[in-house]
Amino acid sequence: MITPTNREGIESIIEFLESINADFTATVSNYTTTIDYYGNKSKYMKEQHSRKTFSAYSKIKSDVSKLPVPKYTEDSVSYFHHDIDGSFHYKKAIQIDVRKAYATVLYKNKMITEATYDFITCLSKTERLVSVGMLASMKHIFQYENGIVENYTPVRSPLSGFFFFAVKEIQELMNHCRMASGAKYIMTWVDSIYIQCDETALAEILNVFYHNGFESSVHILENFTCHVGEDKIHISLIDNREVKNFNIPHKSNVTANHFFNFITRRNANRSKDTLHPFKKTSGNDRQP
């Protein structure tokens, strides 16, 4: 049984088991956390996703499992780029999105069938991103003894190379767009590029997308504000009368990374050996 809960709920469970010096295993993935306490497993979902999302992933997995895995890793890719060296504000700016980006990469490279592609592209953007992103799912396995982590094993999906291949292809496509936009370029964020208002730069970017076989959409933004902080860049803008705010993070897996930091921080506080609070076991060759 999977129990929906939030981040604070999961942390409370872990804190309780630590407080009673329990032996247990906490497995933290992108979407769920599983607590194994003396053989009793409880699974908690941090975010709920539709059945269509998991169906799409099942179809993708079935297709790519028949192929050699591309030799790409998380270290091979970047989800954002910018040349920002200070805060600024534009009254208007332009956002150009690649539509169905990762699904199109997989389909163009004959990694998924037309039927799978058609199924994915009928989903919402979030469902598409999650279904493809599941290829690169990551598990962090923490083994506790007497309430203290004694062993940590990271386990990456053996199919992750397909996801990172798609990310790399979009990254290179965006680099072409960045060069095409010249001095009007602001930043790239995943499958979107942001530029100052300029018809020539916009036309050049749309031309790059068209000649590479990608669909795109254009958004005219208002009050595009960038604030450069010490450890992040905060973006605020108005898109079709809707105010949007987001930060460019240093890590792509924000949720799992949060729990990793939460567990290791607490463990360091409880362990006598704060320099090496627990042993890390390589999980590069393990499958989830």
Protein backbone atom coordinates (compact mmCIF):
# COMPACT_ATOMS: atom_id res chain seq x y z
CA MET A 1 0.00 0.00 0.00
CA ILE A 2 1.27 3.48 -0.91
CA THR A 3 0.41 6.26 1.52
CA PRO A 4 0.38 9.85 0.23
CA THR A 5 2.25 12.23 2.54
CA ASN A 6 4.37 15.34 2.44
CA ARG A 7 8.05 15.88 3.10
CA GLU A 8 7.51 16.80 6.75
CA GLY A 9 5.49 13.63 7.37
CA ILE A 10 8.29 11.40 6.10
CA GLU A 11 10.87 13.28 8.15
CA SER A 12 8.76 12.80 11.29
CA ILE A 13 8.65 9.03 10.74
CA ILE A 14 12.42 8.85 10.32
CA GLU A 15 12.98 11.04 13.38
CA PHE A 16 10.75 8.76 15.48
CA LEU A 17 12.58 5.59 14.42
CA GLU A 18 15.90 7.27 15.14
CA SER A 19 14.68 8.33 18.60
CA ILE A 20 13.91 4.72 19.60
CA ASN A 21 17.29 3.52 18.23
CA ALA A 22 15.58 1.31 15.66
CA ASP A 23 17.17 -0.91 13.01
CA PHE A 24 15.52 -0.03 9.70
CA THR A 25 16.16 0.80 6.05
CA ALA A 26 14.99 4.00 4.36
CA THR A 27 14.92 3.94 0.55
CA VAL A 28 14.44 7.41 -0.94
CA SER A 29 13.65 7.78 -4.65
CA ASN A 30 12.50 10.68 -6.80
CA TYR A 31 8.85 9.94 -6.07
CA THR A 32 8.57 7.63 -3.05
CA THR A 33 10.16 6.80 0.28
CA THR A 34 10.03 3.21 1.60
CA ILE A 35 10.64 2.41 5.26
CA ASP A 36 11.52 -1.24 6.01
CA TYR A 37 11.19 -1.80 9.77
CA TYR A 38 11.80 -5.43 10.80
CA GLY A 39 10.32 -6.72 7.55
CA ASN A 40 7.30 -4.42 7.61
CA LYS A 41 7.52 -2.18 4.55
CA SER A 42 5.63 1.10 4.34
CA LYS A 43 5.78 3.14 1.13
CA TYR A 44 5.05 6.86 1.10
CA MET A 45 4.47 8.87 -2.06
CA LYS A 46 5.68 12.49 -2.00
CA GLU A 47 3.93 13.40 -5.24
CA GLN A 48 0.92 11.72 -6.80
CA HIS A 49 0.98 11.04 -10.53
CA SER A 50 -1.74 9.82 -12.86
CA ARG A 51 -2.06 6.24 -14.08
CA LYS A 52 -1.42 7.58 -17.59
CA THR A 53 2.01 8.75 -16.44
CA PHE A 54 3.00 5.27 -15.25
CA SER A 55 1.44 3.69 -18.38
CA ALA A 56 3.56 5.98 -20.54
CA TYR A 57 6.70 5.02 -18.63
CA SER A 58 5.84 1.34 -19.02
CA LYS A 59 5.58 1.76 -22.78
CA ILE A 60 8.85 3.73 -22.95
CA LYS A 61 10.64 1.15 -20.81
CA SER A 62 9.36 -1.69 -22.99
CA ASP A 63 10.71 0.03 -26.13
CA VAL A 64 14.13 1.11 -24.88
CA SER A 65 14.84 -2.17 -23.05
CA LYS A 66 15.38 -3.78 -26.46
CA LEU A 67 18.25 -1.39 -27.29
CA PRO A 68 21.82 -0.76 -26.10
CA VAL A 69 21.89 1.89 -23.38
CA PRO A 70 23.57 5.15 -24.49
CA LYS A 71 26.71 5.93 -22.52
CA TYR A 72 25.50 9.16 -20.96
CA THR A 73 25.39 10.01 -17.27
CA GLU A 74 24.15 12.89 -15.13
CA ASP A 75 27.64 14.38 -15.31
CA SER A 76 27.29 14.55 -19.11
CA VAL A 77 24.43 17.03 -19.10
CA SER A 78 23.24 20.41 -17.85
CA TYR A 79 19.64 21.55 -17.47
CA PHE A 80 20.31 25.27 -17.61
CA HIS A 81 22.74 27.86 -18.91
CA HIS A 82 23.13 31.60 -18.54
CA ASP A 83 25.62 34.40 -18.89
CA ILE A 84 24.04 36.44 -16.10
CA ASP A 85 26.49 38.41 -13.96
CA GLY A 86 24.06 40.69 -12.14
CA SER A 87 20.41 41.37 -11.37
CA PHE A 88 18.25 43.05 -14.01
CA HIS A 89 14.69 43.80 -15.14
CA TYR A 90 13.10 43.78 -18.61
CA LYS A 91 9.66 45.24 -19.20
CA LYS A 92 9.14 42.55 -21.86
CA ALA A 93 10.96 39.35 -22.84
CA ILE A 94 10.32 36.27 -24.96
CA GLN A 95 10.19 32.61 -23.92
CA ILE A 96 10.41 29.94 -26.64
CA ASP A 97 9.62 26.35 -25.59
CA VAL A 98 10.47 23.12 -27.35
CA ARG A 99 7.21 21.17 -27.40
CA LYS A 100 7.35 17.45 -26.50
CA ALA A 101 11.13 17.81 -26.30
CA TYR A 102 12.37 14.56 -24.74
CA ALA A 103 9.71 12.38 -26.36
CA THR A 104 10.61 13.83 -29.76
CA VAL A 105 14.31 13.08 -29.22
CA LEU A 106 13.57 9.45 -28.36
CA TYR A 107 11.24 9.07 -31.33
CA LYS A 108 13.55 10.80 -33.85
CA ASN A 109 16.35 8.45 -32.78
CA LYS A 110 14.13 5.36 -33.12
CA MET A 111 14.29 4.58 -29.42
CA ILE A 112 10.51 4.47 -28.99
CA THR A 113 7.78 3.40 -31.40
CA GLU A 114 5.30 5.70 -33.07
CA ALA A 115 2.52 4.23 -30.92
CA THR A 116 4.46 5.06 -27.74
CA TYR A 117 5.23 8.54 -29.02
CA ASP A 118 1.57 9.19 -29.82
CA PHE A 119 0.56 8.02 -26.34
CA ILE A 120 3.13 10.27 -24.61
CA THR A 121 2.29 13.35 -26.63
CA CYS A 122 -1.36 13.14 -25.57
CA LEU A 123 -0.31 13.70 -21.95
CA SER A 124 0.16 17.00 -20.17
CA LYS A 125 3.64 18.53 -20.10
CA THR A 126 4.19 17.46 -16.50
CA GLU A 127 3.06 13.90 -17.22
CA ARG A 128 5.40 13.73 -20.24
CA LEU A 129 8.39 14.98 -18.24
CA VAL A 130 7.76 12.57 -15.37
CA SER A 131 7.17 9.53 -17.60
CA VAL A 132 10.45 10.06 -19.47
CA GLY A 133 12.28 11.15 -16.32
CA MET A 134 11.47 7.82 -14.67
CA LEU A 135 14.12 6.31 -16.95
CA ALA A 136 16.72 8.00 -14.75
CA SER A 137 15.16 7.24 -11.39
CA MET A 138 17.60 7.32 -8.47
CA LYS A 139 17.33 5.48 -5.17
CA HIS A 140 19.23 6.39 -2.01
CA ILE A 141 19.31 3.42 0.38
CA PHE A 142 20.12 4.21 4.03
CA GLN A 143 20.63 1.27 6.40
CA TYR A 144 20.19 2.15 10.07
CA GLU A 145 21.53 0.32 13.10
CA ASN A 146 20.49 1.57 16.55
CA GLY A 147 19.04 4.69 14.99
CA ILE A 148 22.25 5.68 13.16
CA VAL A 149 23.02 5.26 9.45
CA GLU A 150 25.72 2.63 9.04
CA ASN A 151 25.59 2.16 5.28
CA TYR A 152 24.51 4.24 2.28
CA THR A 153 24.06 2.93 -1.28
CA PRO A 154 23.03 5.05 -4.30
CA VAL A 155 21.30 3.06 -7.05
CA ARG A 156 20.70 4.60 -10.48
CA SER A 157 18.29 3.03 -12.97
CA PRO A 158 20.16 0.94 -15.58
CA LEU A 159 18.10 2.72 -18.27
CA SER A 160 19.20 6.21 -17.24
CA GLY A 161 21.44 6.59 -20.29
CA PHE A 162 18.35 7.00 -22.50
CA PHE A 163 17.08 9.91 -20.42
CA PHE A 164 20.44 11.65 -20.28
CA PHE A 165 20.84 11.14 -24.02
CA ALA A 166 17.56 13.02 -24.55
CA VAL A 167 18.66 15.77 -22.17
CA LYS A 168 22.01 16.08 -23.97
CA GLU A 169 20.32 16.37 -27.36
CA ILE A 170 18.05 19.17 -26.10
CA GLN A 171 21.02 20.84 -24.43
CA GLU A 172 22.89 20.90 -27.75
CA LEU A 173 19.79 22.17 -29.55
CA MET A 174 19.51 24.99 -27.02
CA ASN A 175 23.18 25.82 -27.46
CA HIS A 176 22.52 26.32 -31.20
CA CYS A 177 19.62 28.61 -30.29
CA ARG A 178 21.78 30.52 -27.83
CA MET A 179 24.36 31.18 -30.54
CA ALA A 180 21.60 32.17 -32.99
CA SER A 181 20.10 34.70 -30.57
CA GLY A 182 23.42 36.50 -30.05
CA ALA A 183 23.44 39.44 -27.64
CA LYS A 184 19.68 39.08 -27.04
CA TYR A 185 20.14 35.81 -25.15
CA ILE A 186 19.15 35.76 -21.46
CA MET A 187 19.11 32.14 -20.27
CA THR A 188 18.18 28.54 -20.97
CA TRP A 189 16.08 26.52 -18.53
CA VAL A 190 15.53 22.84 -19.47
CA ASP A 191 13.52 22.99 -22.74
CA SER A 192 12.93 26.76 -22.77
CA ILE A 193 15.10 29.63 -23.96
CA TYR A 194 14.59 33.22 -22.83
CA ILE A 195 15.63 36.23 -24.89
CA GLN A 196 15.12 39.97 -24.96
CA CYS A 197 12.37 41.17 -27.29
CA ASP A 198 13.84 41.06 -30.78
CA GLU A 199 12.13 39.80 -33.94
CA THR A 200 15.37 38.81 -35.66
CA ALA A 201 16.60 36.72 -32.72
CA LEU A 202 13.18 35.09 -32.39
CA ALA A 203 13.11 34.20 -36.10
CA GLU A 204 16.60 32.66 -35.89
CA ILE A 205 15.62 30.45 -32.95
CA LEU A 206 12.40 29.28 -34.59
CA ASN A 207 14.42 28.45 -37.69
CA VAL A 208 16.78 26.27 -35.63
CA PHE A 209 13.84 24.36 -34.15
CA TYR A 210 12.13 23.92 -37.52
CA HIS A 211 15.21 22.60 -39.34
CA ASN A 212 15.90 20.13 -36.51
CA GLY A 213 12.35 18.75 -36.56
CA PHE A 214 11.04 20.20 -33.28
CA GLU A 215 7.75 21.96 -32.63
CA SER A 216 7.85 25.12 -30.53
CA SER A 217 5.66 27.68 -28.81
CA VAL A 218 6.27 31.37 -28.10
CA HIS A 219 5.31 33.33 -24.97
CA ILE A 220 5.54 37.10 -24.64
CA LEU A 221 6.52 37.79 -21.04
CA GLU A 222 6.09 40.92 -18.94
CA ASN A 223 8.10 42.23 -15.99
CA PHE A 224 10.93 39.73 -16.39
CA THR A 225 13.01 40.21 -13.27
CA CYS A 226 16.22 38.40 -12.37
CA HIS A 227 17.77 38.56 -8.91
CA VAL A 228 21.20 36.98 -8.45
CA GLY A 229 21.63 35.58 -4.96
CA GLU A 230 24.60 33.97 -3.33
CA ASP A 231 23.62 30.40 -4.16
CA LYS A 232 20.78 30.71 -6.66
CA ILE A 233 19.18 32.88 -9.31
CA HIS A 234 15.57 33.89 -8.74
CA ILE A 235 13.37 34.61 -11.76
CA SER A 236 10.02 36.39 -11.60
CA LEU A 237 7.82 37.05 -14.64
CA ILE A 238 4.27 37.41 -15.90
CA ASP A 239 3.11 34.97 -18.59
CA ASN A 240 -0.41 35.51 -19.94
CA ARG A 241 -1.38 37.48 -16.79
CA GLU A 242 -0.06 34.72 -14.52
CA VAL A 243 2.80 35.57 -12.16
CA LYS A 244 5.49 32.89 -12.14
CA ASN A 245 8.50 32.52 -9.86
CA PHE A 246 11.26 29.94 -9.94
CA ASN A 247 14.86 29.41 -8.93
CA ILE A 248 17.64 27.86 -10.93
CA PRO A 249 18.93 25.13 -8.58
CA HIS A 250 22.35 23.56 -8.37
CA LYS A 251 20.84 20.06 -8.24
CA SER A 252 18.28 18.55 -10.58
CA ASN A 253 16.82 16.06 -8.09
CA VAL A 254 15.67 18.59 -5.53
CA THR A 255 13.32 16.33 -3.54
CA ALA A 256 15.60 13.30 -3.18
CA ASN A 257 18.55 15.63 -2.58
CA HIS A 258 16.61 17.27 0.27
CA PHE A 259 16.05 13.94 2.03
CA PHE A 260 19.66 12.93 1.44
CA ASN A 261 20.78 16.13 3.17
CA PHE A 262 18.15 15.71 5.90
CA ILE A 263 19.30 12.16 6.77
CA THR A 264 23.04 12.83 6.54
CA ARG A 265 22.77 16.04 8.57
CA ARG A 266 20.84 14.31 11.38
CA ASN A 267 23.14 11.31 11.27
CA ALA A 268 26.22 13.51 11.61
CA ASN A 269 24.67 15.12 14.68
CA ARG A 270 23.96 11.71 16.26
CA SER A 271 27.17 9.93 15.28
CA LYS A 272 30.45 10.26 17.15
CA ASP A 273 32.33 10.22 13.84
CA THR A 274 31.05 13.40 12.19
CA LEU A 275 33.73 13.42 9.50
CA HIS A 276 32.72 9.98 8.15
CA PRO A 277 29.25 9.42 9.65
CA PHE A 278 28.52 6.28 7.63
CA LYS A 279 29.99 3.98 5.01
CA LYS A 280 29.05 4.54 1.38
CA THR A 281 28.65 1.49 -0.82
CA SER A 282 28.94 1.92 -4.55
CA GLY A 283 25.66 1.15 -6.28
CA ASN A 284 26.63 2.08 -9.84
CA ASP A 285 26.20 -1.48 -11.08
CA ARG A 286 23.13 -2.28 -9.01
CA GLN A 287 19.64 -2.26 -10.43
CA PRO A 288 16.65 -0.95 -8.49
